[in-house]
Amino acid sequence: MVDDARSSAALAGKHLVLGVTGSIAVYKAVGVLRALRDQGATVSVVMTRGATKFMTPLTFDVLSGHRVVTDLFDAHAVMPHLTLAENADAVLVAPATANFLAKAALGLADDVLTTMLLNARCPVIVAPAMDGDMWTHPTVMQHVDMLRARGTVVLDPEVGPLASGRVAQGRLPAEAKVLEAVHAALRPQADWRGQRVLVSAGPTQEPIDPVRFLSNRSSGKMGYAIAAAVRARGGDVVLVTGPSALVPPPGVTTVHVTTAKEMAEALSQHFSSCTVLIMAAAVADFRPRVTVSEKLKKQGRSELELALEATPDILAMLSAKRTSQVVVGFAAETEQVLSHAKEKLKGKGLDLIVANDVTQPGGGFGSDDNAAVILSATGEQRVCGLMPKRRLADEILNAVRDLCLMAPRGVSIVE
């Protein structure tokens, strides 16, 4: 059950579109619909052809009080894919199948629901439900990442008994979690409005020759999640990113770089105009002293020695020349995580550092989840257990916001 703040009038005056796709969990969408209506929302229901195989539209007709839309070419509705999206305060798709996630991520539009999404300019919340092996399939995970990068709220399915008889992650999120996501989307935070945040993300690549380079396992997911979180909370963002397969979040100014030198130059260019720097990039510590102009050949060699030199310490350099900026670093460690993070926090003169063990199961480089301890220069610690990186991004922003309140030399981030 939701708390008292979610009263019967909590969604009064809001027009929502409930998209229902062809999952066995369709029956749970009835409860979601009733809860939305009980809180005062006007709800229009859109069902895919697959959804109608599990439940007839009549049930949703009666409970919503509006004719369910099932056909892009419905003669009884005037361009439903346009009018529904234009009038909606939010779109909720529950349950969402793997097929729907693929089409939504790739922008395919072969039915009224996916066509409507291309015209939606309101918050979109997606609650997946499918078999566990489907949810963890790399292609599905890629589509989820694409949607989240564009600002779509994709909830994680819950672990429990599935229709297949297995116990795995794939159950439609609990009704209370779905409703909470709708409420959060309809009352977005604006506590970072007026702030200009400089975020770095991803790895750097240091060339050895035209086809080889030194790099690391960073995917950029944490930095991209932070950029998306700042933008969602009203801030302006400049994202300086190393090579990454991710799509930059909408509304974010993005600067693409390759090497540590290029990242240092780009960050230096924007640093003076920012109020907060969040250095989430995994910058290479070393680079080849000499880059060869032609591909190194293996023939005739039994070994190869590379002379390396240190790359610029970007974080220390920027921290040393700041004026009023709040500076946040990351410590990706494999052992003695807290002690190493504290040394880095003090040694580089940071306000905050996010420490995480990159060897932890389910977290670290390339993962969608992460766990961290956020340490401040004033000695405070926040322990964040394993959670989606987008959620951790908000926890980091909360810590920075509170830090600025406690340390007046920083810029206040509370309206």
Protein backbone atom coordinates (compact mmCIF):
# COMPACT_ATOMS: atom_id res chain seq x y z
CA MET A 1 0.00 0.00 0.00
CA VAL A 2 1.13 3.54 -0.63
CA ASP A 3 1.41 6.01 2.26
CA ASP A 4 -1.00 8.74 3.31
CA ALA A 5 0.65 11.24 0.97
CA ARG A 6 -0.81 9.18 -1.87
CA SER A 7 -4.36 10.13 -0.95
CA SER A 8 -7.44 9.67 -3.10
CA ALA A 9 -6.74 13.08 -4.66
CA ALA A 10 -3.02 12.61 -5.19
CA LEU A 11 -3.41 12.36 -8.98
CA ALA A 12 -6.44 14.61 -9.36
CA GLY A 13 -6.33 16.53 -12.63
CA LYS A 14 -3.69 14.24 -14.14
CA HIS A 15 -4.29 12.42 -17.42
CA LEU A 16 -2.30 9.22 -17.75
CA VAL A 17 -1.93 6.73 -20.56
CA LEU A 18 -1.62 3.11 -19.44
CA GLY A 19 0.03 0.93 -22.05
CA VAL A 20 -0.58 -2.82 -21.67
CA THR A 21 1.52 -5.32 -23.63
CA GLY A 22 1.28 -9.08 -24.12
CA SER A 23 2.59 -10.54 -20.89
CA ILE A 24 0.94 -13.06 -18.58
CA ALA A 25 1.10 -10.24 -16.01
CA VAL A 26 -1.65 -8.34 -17.87
CA TYR A 27 -4.07 -9.18 -15.08
CA LYS A 28 -1.93 -7.11 -12.67
CA ALA A 29 -2.45 -4.05 -14.86
CA VAL A 30 -6.06 -4.08 -13.74
CA GLY A 31 -4.97 -3.40 -10.17
CA VAL A 32 -2.64 -0.63 -11.34
CA LEU A 33 -5.48 0.95 -13.32
CA ARG A 34 -7.84 0.85 -10.36
CA ALA A 35 -5.21 2.39 -8.07
CA LEU A 36 -4.58 5.23 -10.52
CA ARG A 37 -8.29 5.88 -10.80
CA ASP A 38 -8.72 5.72 -7.00
CA GLN A 39 -6.14 8.52 -6.71
CA GLY A 40 -8.13 10.75 -9.05
CA ALA A 41 -6.32 10.25 -12.35
CA THR A 42 -8.01 10.11 -15.72
CA VAL A 43 -6.61 7.04 -17.46
CA SER A 44 -6.67 6.12 -21.13
CA VAL A 45 -5.69 2.52 -21.85
CA VAL A 46 -3.77 1.37 -24.93
CA MET A 47 -3.48 -2.39 -25.47
CA THR A 48 -1.25 -4.20 -27.93
CA ARG A 49 -2.57 -7.13 -29.94
CA GLY A 50 -0.67 -9.51 -27.68
CA ALA A 51 -2.27 -8.02 -24.57
CA THR A 52 -5.76 -8.69 -25.93
CA LYS A 53 -4.89 -12.41 -26.16
CA PHE A 54 -4.61 -12.52 -22.36
CA MET A 55 -7.50 -10.20 -21.47
CA THR A 56 -10.26 -8.57 -23.47
CA PRO A 57 -10.36 -4.77 -23.72
CA LEU A 58 -13.81 -4.74 -22.11
CA THR A 59 -12.34 -5.03 -18.60
CA PHE A 60 -10.19 -1.95 -19.12
CA ASP A 61 -13.09 -0.17 -20.86
CA VAL A 62 -15.26 -0.55 -17.79
CA LEU A 63 -12.63 0.26 -15.17
CA SER A 64 -11.12 3.23 -16.99
CA GLY A 65 -14.40 4.73 -18.14
CA HIS A 66 -12.90 5.29 -21.59
CA ARG A 67 -12.83 3.24 -24.76
CA VAL A 68 -9.63 1.21 -24.94
CA VAL A 69 -7.44 1.92 -27.98
CA THR A 70 -6.10 -1.19 -29.67
CA ASP A 71 -5.76 -0.23 -33.32
CA LEU A 72 -3.61 2.45 -34.92
CA PHE A 73 -6.28 2.78 -37.59
CA ASP A 74 -9.26 2.92 -35.23
CA ALA A 75 -12.02 4.76 -37.07
CA HIS A 76 -13.65 5.76 -33.75
CA ALA A 77 -10.63 7.79 -32.57
CA VAL A 78 -9.00 10.76 -34.27
CA MET A 79 -5.28 9.97 -34.66
CA PRO A 80 -4.99 8.30 -31.23
CA HIS A 81 -1.20 7.99 -31.47
CA LEU A 82 -1.04 11.79 -31.51
CA THR A 83 -3.94 12.94 -29.35
CA LEU A 84 -3.28 10.53 -26.49
CA ALA A 85 0.38 11.52 -26.15
CA GLU A 86 -0.29 15.23 -26.53
CA ASN A 87 -2.85 15.22 -23.71
CA ALA A 88 -0.96 12.94 -21.32
CA ASP A 89 0.87 14.05 -18.20
CA ALA A 90 2.68 10.70 -18.15
CA VAL A 91 2.73 7.37 -19.98
CA LEU A 92 2.97 4.16 -17.97
CA VAL A 93 3.60 0.83 -19.73
CA ALA A 94 2.80 -2.05 -17.37
CA PRO A 95 3.48 -4.82 -18.05
CA ALA A 96 6.16 -4.27 -20.69
CA THR A 97 7.46 -7.25 -22.67
CA ALA A 98 10.95 -7.77 -24.08
CA ASN A 99 9.47 -7.18 -27.53
CA PHE A 100 8.09 -3.81 -26.45
CA LEU A 101 11.44 -2.79 -24.91
CA ALA A 102 13.20 -3.60 -28.19
CA LYS A 103 10.76 -1.62 -30.31
CA ALA A 104 10.73 1.36 -27.95
CA ALA A 105 14.53 1.45 -27.73
CA LEU A 106 14.99 1.28 -31.50
CA GLY A 107 12.15 3.68 -32.31
CA LEU A 108 10.10 1.10 -34.19
CA ALA A 109 6.44 2.02 -34.55
CA ASP A 110 4.24 -0.81 -35.80
CA ASP A 111 1.29 -0.41 -33.43
CA VAL A 112 -0.57 2.37 -31.66
CA LEU A 113 1.48 2.14 -28.44
CA THR A 114 4.95 2.34 -29.97
CA THR A 115 3.82 4.97 -32.47
CA MET A 116 2.38 7.05 -29.64
CA LEU A 117 5.68 6.92 -27.75
CA LEU A 118 7.47 8.67 -30.59
CA ASN A 119 5.13 11.60 -30.08
CA ALA A 120 5.21 11.61 -26.27
CA ARG A 121 6.93 14.58 -24.65
CA CYS A 122 5.84 13.68 -21.13
CA PRO A 123 7.52 11.34 -18.61
CA VAL A 124 7.47 7.66 -19.64
CA ILE A 125 7.57 4.92 -17.02
CA VAL A 126 8.08 1.30 -18.04
CA ALA A 127 7.47 -1.70 -15.75
CA PRO A 128 8.85 -4.87 -17.42
CA ALA A 129 7.61 -8.40 -16.82
CA MET A 130 9.11 -11.47 -18.47
CA ASP A 131 10.99 -14.68 -17.79
CA GLY A 132 14.25 -14.29 -15.90
CA ASP A 133 16.52 -15.46 -18.72
CA MET A 134 14.83 -12.99 -21.04
CA TRP A 135 15.36 -10.07 -18.63
CA THR A 136 19.08 -10.83 -18.23
CA HIS A 137 19.69 -11.40 -21.95
CA PRO A 138 22.38 -8.97 -23.20
CA THR A 139 20.11 -7.62 -25.93
CA VAL A 140 17.34 -6.81 -23.47
CA MET A 141 19.85 -5.16 -21.13
CA GLN A 142 21.15 -3.07 -24.03
CA HIS A 143 17.64 -1.92 -24.88
CA VAL A 144 16.99 -1.01 -21.26
CA ASP A 145 20.22 1.02 -21.19
CA MET A 146 19.18 2.85 -24.35
CA LEU A 147 15.81 3.74 -22.89
CA ARG A 148 17.25 4.90 -19.59
CA ALA A 149 19.87 6.99 -21.37
CA ARG A 150 17.05 8.83 -23.13
CA GLY A 151 15.31 9.57 -19.84
CA THR A 152 12.75 6.76 -19.75
CA VAL A 153 12.16 5.41 -16.24
CA VAL A 154 12.59 1.63 -16.52
CA LEU A 155 11.82 -0.19 -13.29
CA ASP A 156 13.65 -3.39 -12.40
CA PRO A 157 11.47 -6.52 -12.31
CA GLU A 158 11.21 -8.29 -8.97
CA VAL A 159 12.52 -11.72 -8.02
CA GLY A 160 9.89 -14.39 -7.43
CA PRO A 161 7.97 -17.29 -8.94
CA LEU A 162 7.43 -16.87 -12.68
CA ALA A 163 4.88 -18.37 -15.07
CA SER A 164 7.54 -20.85 -16.20
CA GLY A 165 7.69 -22.26 -12.67
CA ARG A 166 11.17 -20.89 -12.09
CA VAL A 167 12.13 -18.42 -9.38
CA ALA A 168 14.04 -15.55 -10.95
CA GLN A 169 14.00 -11.83 -11.62
CA GLY A 170 11.14 -11.12 -13.99
CA ARG A 171 7.97 -10.39 -12.01
CA LEU A 172 6.12 -7.14 -12.60
CA PRO A 173 7.20 -4.68 -9.88
CA ALA A 174 4.81 -4.39 -6.97
CA GLU A 175 1.88 -2.05 -7.45
CA ALA A 176 3.19 0.33 -4.78
CA LYS A 177 6.54 0.66 -6.60
CA VAL A 178 4.84 1.33 -9.91
CA LEU A 179 2.65 4.02 -8.36
CA GLU A 180 5.60 5.60 -6.59
CA ALA A 181 7.45 5.82 -9.90
CA VAL A 182 4.44 7.58 -11.44
CA HIS A 183 4.30 10.08 -8.58
CA ALA A 184 8.03 10.73 -8.78
CA ALA A 185 7.81 11.35 -12.51
CA LEU A 186 4.96 13.81 -12.05
CA ARG A 187 6.76 15.83 -9.41
CA PRO A 188 10.36 15.94 -10.63
CA GLN A 189 12.96 17.44 -8.32
CA ALA A 190 14.38 20.80 -9.28
CA ASP A 191 16.95 21.11 -6.51
CA TRP A 192 19.80 21.47 -9.02
CA ARG A 193 18.18 24.26 -11.01
CA GLY A 194 20.64 27.08 -11.72
CA GLN A 195 23.70 24.84 -11.35
CA ARG A 196 26.16 24.10 -14.15
CA VAL A 197 27.68 20.68 -13.60
CA LEU A 198 30.73 19.34 -15.39
CA VAL A 199 30.75 15.53 -15.54
CA SER A 200 33.42 13.25 -16.94
CA ALA A 201 32.67 9.67 -17.97
CA GLY A 202 34.09 6.57 -19.60
CA PRO A 203 37.65 5.44 -20.21
CA THR A 204 40.43 7.07 -22.16
CA GLN A 205 42.38 5.33 -24.90
CA GLU A 206 46.12 5.93 -25.15
CA PRO A 207 47.43 4.90 -28.61
CA ILE A 208 50.36 2.56 -29.03
CA ASP A 209 50.16 2.51 -32.81
CA PRO A 210 47.31 3.18 -35.30
CA VAL A 211 45.45 0.00 -34.29
CA ARG A 212 46.34 -0.60 -30.61
CA PHE A 213 45.85 1.37 -27.44
CA LEU A 214 45.98 1.16 -23.65
CA SER A 215 42.64 1.51 -21.90
CA ASN A 216 40.48 0.06 -19.11
CA ARG A 217 37.11 -1.62 -18.57
CA SER A 218 35.05 1.52 -17.89
CA SER A 219 31.76 1.64 -19.83
CA GLY A 220 30.79 5.20 -18.90
CA LYS A 221 27.50 4.07 -17.35
CA MET A 222 28.08 5.78 -14.00
CA GLY A 223 29.04 9.13 -15.50
CA TYR A 224 26.16 9.04 -17.98
CA ALA A 225 23.77 8.20 -15.13
CA ILE A 226 25.04 11.20 -13.15
CA ALA A 227 24.60 13.49 -16.16
CA ALA A 228 21.03 12.22 -16.64
CA ALA A 229 20.25 12.69 -12.94
CA VAL A 230 21.52 16.27 -12.87
CA ARG A 231 19.49 17.12 -15.97
CA ALA A 232 16.37 15.49 -14.52
CA ARG A 233 16.78 17.60 -11.38
CA GLY A 234 16.98 20.88 -13.26
CA GLY A 235 20.73 21.39 -13.67
CA ASP A 236 22.70 22.24 -16.80
CA VAL A 237 25.26 19.60 -17.73
CA VAL A 238 28.42 19.43 -19.79
CA LEU A 239 29.39 15.77 -20.22
CA VAL A 240 33.00 15.11 -21.28
CA THR A 241 33.12 11.47 -22.28
CA GLY A 242 35.76 9.08 -23.41
CA PRO A 243 34.92 6.35 -25.95
CA SER A 244 31.60 4.73 -25.00
CA ALA A 245 28.79 2.87 -26.73
CA LEU A 246 26.18 4.75 -24.68
CA VAL A 247 23.81 7.37 -26.06
CA PRO A 248 24.24 10.72 -24.26
CA PRO A 249 21.23 11.77 -22.16
CA PRO A 250 18.89 14.27 -23.84
CA GLY A 251 19.44 17.93 -23.02
CA VAL A 252 23.08 17.41 -22.09
CA THR A 253 25.96 19.19 -23.83
CA THR A 254 28.34 16.38 -24.77
CA VAL A 255 32.03 16.63 -25.63
CA HIS A 256 33.64 13.47 -27.02
CA VAL A 257 37.35 12.86 -26.38
CA THR A 258 39.72 9.93 -26.71
CA THR A 259 42.94 10.46 -24.74
CA ALA A 260 43.70 11.70 -21.24
CA LYS A 261 45.29 14.81 -22.74
CA GLU A 262 42.14 15.57 -24.71
CA MET A 263 39.99 15.02 -21.63
CA ALA A 264 42.17 17.36 -19.59
CA GLU A 265 41.88 20.05 -22.24
CA ALA A 266 38.11 19.72 -22.54
CA LEU A 267 37.53 19.76 -18.78
CA SER A 268 39.85 22.73 -18.33
CA GLN A 269 37.93 24.64 -21.00
CA HIS A 270 34.63 24.25 -19.14
CA PHE A 271 35.82 24.19 -15.53
CA SER A 272 35.78 27.93 -14.84
CA SER A 273 32.08 28.20 -15.73
CA CYS A 274 30.87 25.22 -13.69
CA THR A 275 29.69 25.15 -10.10
CA VAL A 276 30.30 21.43 -9.55
CA LEU A 277 32.78 18.99 -11.10
CA ILE A 278 32.00 15.28 -10.82
CA MET A 279 34.95 13.30 -12.13
CA ALA A 280 33.50 9.85 -12.86
CA ALA A 281 35.82 9.05 -15.78
CA ALA A 282 38.39 6.28 -15.47
CA VAL A 283 41.34 8.15 -16.92
CA ALA A 284 44.35 6.05 -17.90
CA ASP A 285 47.21 6.57 -15.43
CA PHE A 286 49.88 5.86 -18.05
CA ARG A 287 50.37 6.25 -21.78
CA PRO A 288 53.08 5.05 -24.18
CA ARG A 289 56.00 7.46 -24.17
CA VAL A 290 56.20 7.11 -27.94
CA THR A 291 53.28 6.46 -30.29
CA VAL A 292 54.37 4.58 -33.40
CA SER A 293 52.97 5.90 -36.69
CA GLU A 294 52.85 2.47 -38.35
CA LYS A 295 51.36 -0.78 -37.07
CA LEU A 296 53.84 -2.75 -34.98
CA LYS A 297 54.49 -6.14 -36.57
CA LYS A 298 54.78 -9.38 -34.65
CA GLN A 299 57.09 -11.00 -37.17
CA GLY A 300 60.60 -11.43 -35.84
CA ARG A 301 59.64 -10.45 -32.27
CA SER A 302 59.47 -12.76 -29.27
CA GLU A 303 58.66 -9.89 -26.92
CA LEU A 304 57.82 -6.20 -26.94
CA GLU A 305 58.69 -3.60 -24.34
CA LEU A 306 56.65 -0.43 -23.97
CA ALA A 307 58.02 2.61 -22.21
CA LEU A 308 55.19 4.34 -20.35
CA GLU A 309 54.84 7.79 -18.86
CA ALA A 310 52.24 9.19 -16.47
CA THR A 311 49.22 11.00 -17.85
CA PRO A 312 48.16 14.34 -16.35
CA ASP A 313 46.42 14.10 -12.97
CA ILE A 314 43.33 15.93 -14.17
CA LEU A 315 41.46 15.88 -10.89
CA ALA A 316 44.36 17.25 -8.84
CA MET A 317 45.06 19.88 -11.47
CA LEU A 318 41.49 21.18 -11.55
CA SER A 319 41.07 20.99 -7.78
CA ALA A 320 44.18 23.13 -7.31
CA LYS A 321 42.92 25.97 -9.50
CA ARG A 322 39.26 26.08 -8.47
CA THR A 323 37.61 29.14 -7.03
CA SER A 324 34.22 28.21 -5.53
CA GLN A 325 33.57 24.93 -7.37
CA VAL A 326 32.63 21.78 -5.50
CA VAL A 327 34.90 18.97 -6.66
CA VAL A 328 33.88 15.30 -6.51
CA GLY A 329 36.13 12.39 -7.36
CA PHE A 330 35.82 8.62 -7.68
CA ALA A 331 38.02 5.89 -6.26
CA ALA A 332 37.63 2.59 -8.10
CA GLU A 333 39.60 0.17 -5.98
CA THR A 334 40.23 -3.57 -5.68
CA GLU A 335 41.48 -3.67 -2.07
CA GLN A 336 41.63 -1.40 1.02
CA VAL A 337 38.89 0.63 -0.60
CA LEU A 338 38.20 3.10 2.19
CA SER A 339 41.82 3.79 3.14
CA HIS A 340 42.82 4.42 -0.47
CA ALA A 341 39.76 6.63 -1.00
CA LYS A 342 40.55 8.71 2.09
CA GLU A 343 44.12 9.23 0.88
CA LYS A 344 42.85 10.39 -2.51
CA LEU A 345 40.22 12.64 -0.93
CA LYS A 346 42.83 14.44 1.17
CA GLY A 347 45.72 14.32 -1.27
CA LYS A 348 43.78 15.92 -4.11
CA GLY A 349 41.88 18.39 -1.96
CA LEU A 350 38.42 17.08 -2.87
CA ASP A 351 35.13 17.88 -1.22
CA LEU A 352 33.70 14.43 -1.80
CA ILE A 353 34.84 11.06 -3.08
CA VAL A 354 32.79 8.05 -4.19
CA ALA A 355 34.60 4.83 -3.31
CA ASN A 356 33.67 1.49 -4.80
CA ASP A 357 35.14 -1.99 -5.09
CA VAL A 358 35.20 -2.82 -8.80
CA THR A 359 35.58 -6.54 -8.05
CA GLN A 360 32.26 -6.81 -6.19
CA PRO A 361 29.74 -9.30 -7.65
CA GLY A 362 27.01 -7.55 -9.61
CA GLY A 363 28.72 -4.15 -9.61
CA GLY A 364 31.74 -2.36 -10.99
CA PHE A 365 32.79 -1.71 -14.57
CA GLY A 366 30.20 -2.48 -17.22
CA SER A 367 27.48 -3.39 -14.73
CA ASP A 368 24.10 -1.68 -14.50
CA ASP A 369 24.40 -1.68 -10.71
CA ASN A 370 26.95 -0.37 -8.27
CA ALA A 371 27.59 -0.09 -4.54
CA ALA A 372 29.66 2.67 -3.01
CA VAL A 373 30.65 4.59 0.08
CA ILE A 374 30.48 8.37 -0.27
CA LEU A 375 33.10 10.12 1.85
CA SER A 376 33.23 13.86 2.55
CA ALA A 377 36.15 16.07 3.53
CA THR A 378 34.31 16.76 6.79
CA GLY A 379 34.50 13.09 7.73
CA GLU A 380 30.96 11.97 6.95
CA GLN A 381 30.22 8.67 5.25
CA ARG A 382 27.19 7.45 3.33
CA VAL A 383 27.00 3.75 2.60
CA CYS A 384 25.04 2.92 -0.55
CA GLY A 385 24.32 -0.77 -1.04
CA LEU A 386 24.09 -2.43 -4.43
CA MET A 387 21.58 -0.47 -6.53
CA PRO A 388 21.04 0.69 -10.12
CA LYS A 389 23.63 3.26 -11.16
CA ARG A 390 20.88 5.77 -11.96
CA ARG A 391 19.68 5.54 -8.36
CA LEU A 392 23.25 5.80 -7.05
CA ALA A 393 23.64 8.92 -9.16
CA ASP A 394 20.79 10.54 -7.22
CA GLU A 395 22.40 9.47 -3.93
CA ILE A 396 25.63 11.16 -5.02
CA LEU A 397 23.75 14.33 -5.95
CA ASN A 398 22.00 14.29 -2.57
CA ALA A 399 25.38 14.03 -0.85
CA VAL A 400 26.78 16.94 -2.87
CA ARG A 401 23.69 19.01 -2.08
CA ASP A 402 24.03 18.35 1.64
CA LEU A 403 27.77 18.96 1.51
CA CYS A 404 27.17 22.41 0.06
CA LEU A 405 24.83 23.25 2.91
CA MET A 406 27.45 22.23 5.47
CA ALA A 407 30.36 23.88 3.63
CA PRO A 408 29.41 27.47 2.73
CA ARG A 409 32.47 28.00 0.53
CA GLY A 410 30.68 25.81 -2.04
CA VAL A 411 27.66 26.96 -3.99
CA SER A 412 24.29 26.30 -2.36
CA ILE A 413 22.32 23.82 -4.38
CA VAL A 414 19.04 24.13 -2.52
CA GLU A 415 16.50 26.57 -3.85
